[in-house]
């Protein structure tokens, strides 16, 4: 038996060098600034692009905006743990994740957003949880 067996995984460079499988969704956001829209991917992402198709700003986060939403214990509202995409613009990020959350920045609901992702062949079960992780704050 060989100990040099390679397979898809978070630390496997080849998993990110191949072309990503497309994932596309267009959706309307909840009407209030306190609710998040959850996008769950069937595989770990390689790249995510979010287009804000509305006349108001949106928030993007990796945990729900409110505490206890979707069963999470930490909310993105803590320490401003999100970023803003201005109305009518798009944001592209090379990121490995299994889900992303989007919410209105104000109680003026946006029309809709478009989300495109490139997916790897890495099963989401191999991705660690982002809830509770601490990063750089402003």
Foldseek 3Di string as FASTA:
>chain_A
DDPPDDDDAPPDVVLQPDWFDKDKDKDWADLAQQWKDKDFAQAWFQKKKKFAAFQAKKKKAQAAQDACVVHHHDHCVVLVRIDIDGHGGMDMDGDTDGMMIMGGPHSHTTGMMMMMTGGTPHGRVRDDRPGPDDDDGD
